[in-house]
N, C-alpha and C. Protein backbone atom coordinates (compact mmCIF):
# COMPACT_ATOMS: atom_id res chain seq x y z
N MET A 1 14.76 -27.05 57.70
CA MET A 1 14.96 -26.28 56.23
C MET A 1 14.43 -24.83 57.08
N ASP A 2 15.07 -23.82 56.57
CA ASP A 2 14.90 -22.43 57.20
C ASP A 2 13.46 -22.20 56.01
N TYR A 3 13.23 -20.70 55.86
CA TYR A 3 11.79 -20.42 55.32
C TYR A 3 12.39 -19.72 54.00
N GLY A 4 13.64 -19.11 53.94
CA GLY A 4 14.30 -18.29 52.68
C GLY A 4 14.33 -19.23 52.08
N LYS A 5 14.86 -20.70 52.22
CA LYS A 5 15.16 -21.85 51.52
C LYS A 5 14.14 -22.09 50.99
N TYR A 6 13.21 -22.38 51.47
CA TYR A 6 11.55 -22.76 50.90
C TYR A 6 11.19 -21.85 50.20
N ARG A 7 11.76 -20.63 50.08
CA ARG A 7 10.98 -19.85 49.26
C ARG A 7 11.91 -19.64 47.84
N TYR A 8 12.90 -19.81 48.05
CA TYR A 8 13.90 -20.26 46.47
C TYR A 8 13.68 -21.11 46.18
N GLU A 9 13.71 -22.35 46.67
CA GLU A 9 12.66 -23.39 46.15
C GLU A 9 11.59 -23.47 45.03
N GLU A 10 10.80 -22.96 45.75
CA GLU A 10 9.63 -22.75 45.53
C GLU A 10 9.51 -21.41 43.91
N SER A 11 10.28 -20.87 43.93
CA SER A 11 10.58 -20.07 43.11
C SER A 11 11.19 -20.71 42.03
N ARG A 12 12.16 -21.20 42.25
CA ARG A 12 12.75 -22.18 40.81
C ARG A 12 11.60 -23.15 40.35
N ARG A 13 10.95 -23.57 41.16
CA ARG A 13 9.94 -24.86 40.92
C ARG A 13 9.06 -24.13 39.72
N GLU A 14 8.51 -23.20 40.02
CA GLU A 14 7.70 -21.56 39.66
C GLU A 14 8.29 -21.76 37.91
N ARG A 15 9.47 -20.80 38.34
CA ARG A 15 10.10 -20.33 36.84
C ARG A 15 10.32 -21.88 35.96
N GLU A 16 10.96 -23.01 36.40
CA GLU A 16 10.69 -24.35 35.59
C GLU A 16 9.55 -24.50 34.81
N SER A 17 7.96 -24.16 35.90
CA SER A 17 7.01 -24.86 34.83
C SER A 17 6.51 -23.91 33.95
N ARG A 18 6.88 -22.30 34.49
CA ARG A 18 6.45 -21.56 33.31
C ARG A 18 7.35 -21.47 32.30
N LYS A 19 8.54 -22.12 32.09
CA LYS A 19 9.40 -22.14 31.11
C LYS A 19 9.10 -23.11 30.27
N ARG A 20 8.37 -24.46 31.03
CA ARG A 20 7.83 -25.73 30.26
C ARG A 20 6.76 -25.46 29.43
N GLN A 21 5.85 -24.29 29.81
CA GLN A 21 4.40 -23.89 29.28
C GLN A 21 4.48 -23.58 27.94
N LYS A 22 3.27 -24.30 27.00
CA LYS A 22 3.39 -23.38 26.06
C LYS A 22 2.62 -22.46 25.82
N THR A 23 3.42 -21.53 25.35
CA THR A 23 2.31 -20.11 25.02
C THR A 23 1.57 -19.99 23.53
N ILE A 24 0.41 -19.97 24.09
CA ILE A 24 -0.05 -19.49 22.44
C ILE A 24 -0.40 -18.10 22.00
N GLU A 25 0.48 -17.89 21.06
CA GLU A 25 0.58 -16.57 20.27
C GLU A 25 -1.13 -16.03 19.72
N VAL A 26 -1.78 -14.63 19.84
CA VAL A 26 -2.86 -14.64 19.12
C VAL A 26 -2.33 -13.49 18.02
N LYS A 27 -2.12 -13.62 16.98
CA LYS A 27 -2.19 -12.43 15.92
C LYS A 27 -3.65 -11.68 15.29
N GLU A 28 -3.30 -10.71 15.08
CA GLU A 28 -4.74 -9.70 14.38
C GLU A 28 -4.06 -9.47 12.91
N ILE A 29 -4.97 -9.91 12.30
CA ILE A 29 -5.48 -9.14 10.98
C ILE A 29 -6.97 -8.27 11.22
N ARG A 30 -6.39 -7.07 10.48
CA ARG A 30 -7.61 -5.92 10.18
C ARG A 30 -8.03 -6.23 9.03
N LEU A 31 -9.42 -6.09 8.72
CA LEU A 31 -9.80 -6.01 7.23
C LEU A 31 -10.90 -4.74 7.20
N ARG A 32 -11.36 -4.57 6.09
CA ARG A 32 -12.27 -2.83 6.08
C ARG A 32 -13.34 -3.94 5.22
N PRO A 33 -14.98 -3.45 5.18
CA PRO A 33 -15.83 -4.41 4.51
C PRO A 33 -15.78 -4.15 3.30
N ARG A 34 -15.24 -3.33 2.42
CA ARG A 34 -14.96 -3.05 1.58
C ARG A 34 -13.97 -3.54 0.74
N ILE A 35 -13.09 -4.47 1.24
CA ILE A 35 -11.32 -4.90 0.81
C ILE A 35 -12.08 -5.56 -0.45
N ASP A 36 -11.01 -5.46 -1.41
CA ASP A 36 -10.79 -5.90 -2.69
C ASP A 36 -10.60 -7.63 -2.61
N THR A 37 -10.74 -8.54 -4.18
CA THR A 37 -10.45 -9.70 -3.87
C THR A 37 -8.88 -9.69 -3.48
N HIS A 38 -8.43 -9.33 -4.56
CA HIS A 38 -6.94 -9.90 -4.30
C HIS A 38 -6.57 -9.23 -2.83
N ASP A 39 -6.57 -8.02 -2.17
CA ASP A 39 -6.08 -7.88 -0.85
C ASP A 39 -6.88 -8.78 0.00
N LEU A 40 -7.65 -9.46 0.07
CA LEU A 40 -8.29 -10.27 0.77
C LEU A 40 -7.50 -11.44 0.68
N GLU A 41 -7.26 -12.04 -0.26
CA GLU A 41 -6.44 -13.19 -0.52
C GLU A 41 -5.22 -12.98 -0.05
N THR A 42 -4.39 -11.67 -0.12
CA THR A 42 -3.14 -11.58 0.47
C THR A 42 -3.58 -11.73 1.61
N LYS A 43 -4.46 -10.91 2.66
CA LYS A 43 -4.51 -11.19 3.97
C LYS A 43 -5.07 -12.55 4.39
N VAL A 44 -5.86 -13.68 3.74
CA VAL A 44 -5.69 -14.79 3.60
C VAL A 44 -4.53 -15.77 3.81
N ARG A 45 -3.82 -15.30 2.90
CA ARG A 45 -2.08 -16.06 2.78
C ARG A 45 -1.48 -15.75 4.06
N GLN A 46 -1.26 -14.48 4.61
CA GLN A 46 -1.08 -14.37 6.17
C GLN A 46 -1.59 -14.42 7.04
N ILE A 47 -3.10 -15.27 7.26
CA ILE A 47 -3.87 -15.67 8.55
C ILE A 47 -3.26 -17.60 8.28
N GLN A 48 -3.30 -17.45 6.99
CA GLN A 48 -2.38 -19.36 6.64
C GLN A 48 -1.18 -19.51 7.00
N GLN A 49 -0.25 -18.80 7.33
CA GLN A 49 1.12 -18.37 7.54
C GLN A 49 1.29 -18.62 9.14
N PHE A 50 0.36 -17.35 10.14
CA PHE A 50 0.28 -17.40 11.23
C PHE A 50 -0.38 -18.86 12.02
N LEU A 51 -1.12 -19.74 10.81
CA LEU A 51 -1.69 -20.81 11.74
C LEU A 51 -1.01 -21.83 11.70
N THR A 52 -0.30 -21.84 10.17
CA THR A 52 1.05 -22.81 10.05
C THR A 52 2.38 -22.78 11.50
N ASP A 53 2.43 -21.43 11.77
CA ASP A 53 3.12 -21.42 12.66
C ASP A 53 2.65 -21.96 13.97
N GLY A 54 1.12 -22.00 14.36
CA GLY A 54 0.30 -22.60 15.50
C GLY A 54 -0.02 -21.43 16.35
N ALA A 55 -0.05 -20.22 15.67
CA ALA A 55 -0.89 -19.09 16.62
C ALA A 55 -2.27 -19.03 16.41
N LYS A 56 -3.17 -18.61 17.12
CA LYS A 56 -4.60 -18.62 17.12
C LYS A 56 -4.39 -16.71 16.18
N VAL A 57 -5.43 -16.65 15.42
CA VAL A 57 -5.66 -15.36 14.57
C VAL A 57 -7.26 -14.36 14.95
N LYS A 58 -6.84 -13.48 15.51
CA LYS A 58 -8.05 -12.23 15.62
C LYS A 58 -8.77 -12.06 13.97
N VAL A 59 -9.57 -12.12 13.64
CA VAL A 59 -9.70 -11.41 12.58
C VAL A 59 -10.81 -10.42 12.60
N THR A 60 -10.38 -9.09 12.49
CA THR A 60 -11.34 -7.92 12.91
C THR A 60 -12.00 -7.39 11.58
N VAL A 61 -13.11 -6.56 11.20
CA VAL A 61 -13.45 -5.76 10.36
C VAL A 61 -13.75 -4.39 11.10
N LEU A 62 -12.85 -3.67 10.38
CA LEU A 62 -13.06 -2.25 11.04
C LEU A 62 -14.30 -1.68 10.28
N PHE A 63 -15.02 -0.77 10.76
CA PHE A 63 -16.11 0.18 10.41
C PHE A 63 -15.97 1.47 10.41
N ARG A 64 -16.23 2.05 9.57
CA ARG A 64 -16.11 3.95 9.75
C ARG A 64 -17.04 4.33 9.22
N GLY A 65 -17.28 5.63 9.73
CA GLY A 65 -18.52 6.08 9.27
C GLY A 65 -19.79 5.47 9.35
N ARG A 66 -20.72 5.82 8.18
CA ARG A 66 -21.62 5.00 8.04
C ARG A 66 -21.55 3.56 7.43
N GLU A 67 -20.65 3.06 7.39
CA GLU A 67 -20.47 1.84 7.08
C GLU A 67 -20.92 0.86 8.01
N ILE A 68 -20.85 1.08 8.88
CA ILE A 68 -21.67 0.54 10.67
C ILE A 68 -23.27 0.10 10.43
N VAL A 69 -24.02 0.82 9.47
CA VAL A 69 -24.70 0.13 8.98
C VAL A 69 -24.88 -0.98 8.05
N TYR A 70 -23.94 -1.20 7.38
CA TYR A 70 -24.06 -2.29 6.87
C TYR A 70 -22.72 -3.25 7.15
N GLN A 71 -23.73 -4.13 8.34
CA GLN A 71 -22.87 -4.87 9.13
C GLN A 71 -22.91 -6.25 8.43
N ASP A 72 -24.01 -6.57 7.28
CA ASP A 72 -23.66 -7.42 6.37
C ASP A 72 -22.42 -7.65 5.34
N LEU A 73 -22.17 -6.97 5.24
CA LEU A 73 -20.48 -6.60 4.25
C LEU A 73 -19.92 -7.29 4.99
N GLY A 74 -19.57 -6.72 6.13
CA GLY A 74 -18.66 -7.09 7.11
C GLY A 74 -18.70 -8.84 7.18
N GLU A 75 -19.78 -9.34 7.53
CA GLU A 75 -20.28 -10.70 7.74
C GLU A 75 -19.87 -11.64 6.69
N ARG A 76 -19.86 -10.81 5.59
CA ARG A 76 -20.21 -11.64 4.10
C ARG A 76 -18.35 -11.63 4.08
N VAL A 77 -17.30 -10.84 4.71
CA VAL A 77 -15.97 -10.62 4.15
C VAL A 77 -15.64 -11.69 5.50
N LEU A 78 -15.75 -12.19 6.67
CA LEU A 78 -15.55 -12.52 7.56
C LEU A 78 -15.76 -14.35 7.12
N GLN A 79 -16.99 -14.67 6.18
CA GLN A 79 -17.35 -16.04 5.71
C GLN A 79 -16.51 -16.07 4.52
N ARG A 80 -16.03 -14.88 3.70
CA ARG A 80 -15.30 -15.41 2.80
C ARG A 80 -14.28 -16.20 3.39
N VAL A 81 -13.48 -15.17 4.59
CA VAL A 81 -12.21 -15.63 4.93
C VAL A 81 -12.26 -17.41 5.49
N ILE A 82 -13.45 -18.01 5.86
CA ILE A 82 -13.52 -18.96 6.62
C ILE A 82 -13.46 -19.61 5.10
N ASP A 83 -14.11 -19.19 3.93
CA ASP A 83 -14.48 -20.14 2.76
C ASP A 83 -12.91 -20.53 2.43
N LEU A 84 -12.13 -19.24 2.09
CA LEU A 84 -10.58 -19.44 1.53
C LEU A 84 -9.66 -20.35 2.33
N LEU A 85 -9.88 -20.35 3.92
CA LEU A 85 -9.41 -21.34 4.73
C LEU A 85 -9.45 -22.52 4.90
N GLY A 86 -10.58 -23.21 4.20
CA GLY A 86 -11.48 -24.56 4.46
C GLY A 86 -10.63 -24.84 5.90
N PRO A 87 -10.41 -26.39 5.55
CA PRO A 87 -9.90 -27.31 6.72
C PRO A 87 -8.81 -26.72 7.78
N ARG A 88 -8.15 -25.68 7.16
CA ARG A 88 -6.98 -25.24 7.73
C ARG A 88 -7.00 -24.15 9.01
N ALA A 89 -8.42 -23.94 9.01
CA ALA A 89 -9.09 -23.30 10.17
C ALA A 89 -10.20 -23.97 10.88
N VAL A 90 -10.08 -23.65 12.11
CA VAL A 90 -11.23 -23.76 12.96
C VAL A 90 -11.94 -22.40 13.53
N VAL A 91 -13.08 -22.43 13.86
CA VAL A 91 -13.84 -20.88 13.81
C VAL A 91 -13.82 -21.37 15.59
N GLU A 92 -12.78 -20.92 16.15
CA GLU A 92 -12.94 -20.51 17.49
C GLU A 92 -14.13 -20.00 18.51
N GLN A 93 -14.17 -18.73 17.96
CA GLN A 93 -15.35 -18.16 18.16
C GLN A 93 -15.83 -17.36 16.84
N PRO A 94 -17.19 -17.44 16.66
CA PRO A 94 -17.81 -17.24 15.51
C PRO A 94 -18.04 -15.36 15.59
N PRO A 95 -18.14 -14.98 14.65
CA PRO A 95 -18.31 -13.02 14.02
C PRO A 95 -19.24 -12.82 15.08
N HIS A 96 -18.89 -11.81 16.61
CA HIS A 96 -19.33 -11.08 17.01
C HIS A 96 -19.13 -9.67 16.78
N ALA A 97 -20.27 -8.61 17.04
CA ALA A 97 -19.81 -7.20 17.06
C ALA A 97 -19.07 -6.83 18.26
N GLU A 98 -18.22 -6.12 18.23
CA GLU A 98 -17.92 -5.08 19.36
C GLU A 98 -17.42 -3.86 19.14
N GLY A 99 -18.46 -2.92 19.27
CA GLY A 99 -18.40 -1.32 18.98
C GLY A 99 -18.39 -1.23 17.47
N ARG A 100 -17.62 -0.59 17.00
CA ARG A 100 -17.50 -0.58 15.48
C ARG A 100 -16.63 -1.63 14.80
N THR A 101 -16.33 -2.66 15.22
CA THR A 101 -16.04 -4.05 14.76
C THR A 101 -16.52 -5.28 14.58
N LEU A 102 -16.16 -5.93 13.99
CA LEU A 102 -16.91 -7.75 14.01
C LEU A 102 -15.47 -8.28 14.19
N VAL A 103 -15.79 -9.08 15.21
CA VAL A 103 -14.99 -9.88 15.87
C VAL A 103 -14.76 -11.11 15.36
N MET A 104 -13.49 -12.09 15.07
CA MET A 104 -14.04 -13.45 15.02
C MET A 104 -12.29 -14.17 15.38
N PHE A 105 -12.62 -15.29 15.76
CA PHE A 105 -11.35 -15.84 16.27
C PHE A 105 -11.06 -17.41 15.69
N LEU A 106 -10.07 -17.78 15.01
CA LEU A 106 -9.50 -18.90 14.31
C LEU A 106 -8.09 -19.35 14.81
N ALA A 107 -8.05 -20.77 15.18
CA ALA A 107 -7.36 -21.41 15.70
C ALA A 107 -6.79 -22.47 14.56
N PRO A 108 -5.94 -23.14 14.46
CA PRO A 108 -5.05 -24.00 13.38
C PRO A 108 -5.80 -25.50 13.55
N GLY A 109 -6.16 -25.48 12.02
CA GLY A 109 -7.28 -26.86 11.78
C GLY A 109 -6.66 -28.25 11.88
N HIS A 110 -7.23 -28.80 11.14
CA HIS A 110 -6.40 -30.23 11.79
C HIS A 110 -5.40 -30.81 10.69
N VAL A 111 -5.28 -29.59 9.90
CA VAL A 111 -3.52 -30.00 9.24
C VAL A 111 -2.78 -29.34 10.20
N GLU A 112 -1.75 -30.35 9.73
CA GLU A 112 -0.04 -30.66 10.83
C GLU A 112 0.34 -29.30 10.76
N VAL A 113 0.50 -29.19 12.23
CA VAL A 113 1.05 -27.61 12.32
C VAL A 113 2.37 -28.07 12.35
N THR A 114 3.23 -27.13 11.32
CA THR A 114 4.50 -26.73 11.29
C THR A 114 5.33 -25.65 11.63
N ARG A 115 6.62 -25.77 12.39
CA ARG A 115 6.90 -24.42 12.84
C ARG A 115 8.27 -23.90 11.78
N THR A 116 8.02 -22.75 11.24
CA THR A 116 8.65 -22.58 9.94
C THR A 116 10.47 -21.90 10.68
N ALA A 117 11.10 -21.80 10.50
CA ALA A 117 12.61 -21.41 10.83
C ALA A 117 12.55 -20.00 11.10
N SER A 118 11.49 -18.78 10.38
CA SER A 118 11.27 -17.42 11.05
C SER A 118 10.47 -17.54 11.99
N CYS A 119 9.61 -18.54 12.54
CA CYS A 119 9.00 -18.20 13.64
C CYS A 119 9.79 -18.66 14.86
N GLU A 120 10.80 -19.78 14.87
CA GLU A 120 11.47 -20.10 16.19
C GLU A 120 12.52 -19.04 16.00
N GLU A 121 13.14 -18.06 15.05
CA GLU A 121 14.09 -17.25 15.55
C GLU A 121 13.45 -16.18 16.03
N ARG A 122 11.86 -15.70 15.68
CA ARG A 122 11.32 -14.79 16.63
C ARG A 122 11.50 -15.41 17.81
N GLU A 123 10.83 -16.68 18.16
CA GLU A 123 10.84 -17.08 19.41
C GLU A 123 12.05 -17.02 20.31
N ALA A 124 13.21 -17.14 19.81
CA ALA A 124 14.65 -17.19 20.13
C ALA A 124 14.89 -15.95 20.76
N GLU A 125 14.62 -14.63 19.85
CA GLU A 125 14.80 -13.41 20.12
C GLU A 125 14.16 -13.04 21.41
N GLY A 126 12.69 -13.50 21.54
CA GLY A 126 12.00 -13.08 22.41
C GLY A 126 12.44 -13.70 24.00
N GLN A 127 13.25 -14.76 23.77
CA GLN A 127 14.01 -15.13 25.15
C GLN A 127 15.24 -14.66 25.32
């Protein structure tokens, strides 16, 4: 077998293995420390949708101006998100500060993950 054919076979095997790999999507939700309750509930519903689609979620609290002094407000917002989601989400990375933001990562919880039709359509478009 010549080297060109060998390289071709290797690239085919690599492409096939990449096709079979499951890619985990990371979605991001941005919040502010002074978010109202209804707005927070709306964002939590969106997070639930992402989690049921099987994606991980990066929840970011943005601080502007002097708000950075009140990081405890941002931590309370993230704690409320965790409380509202309950067992549907697992905190993969607890809240930590990155510059002027607080960041937390969530993964789907123990509740069964179901793929929605809209998620499958988005994946079909991406291919």
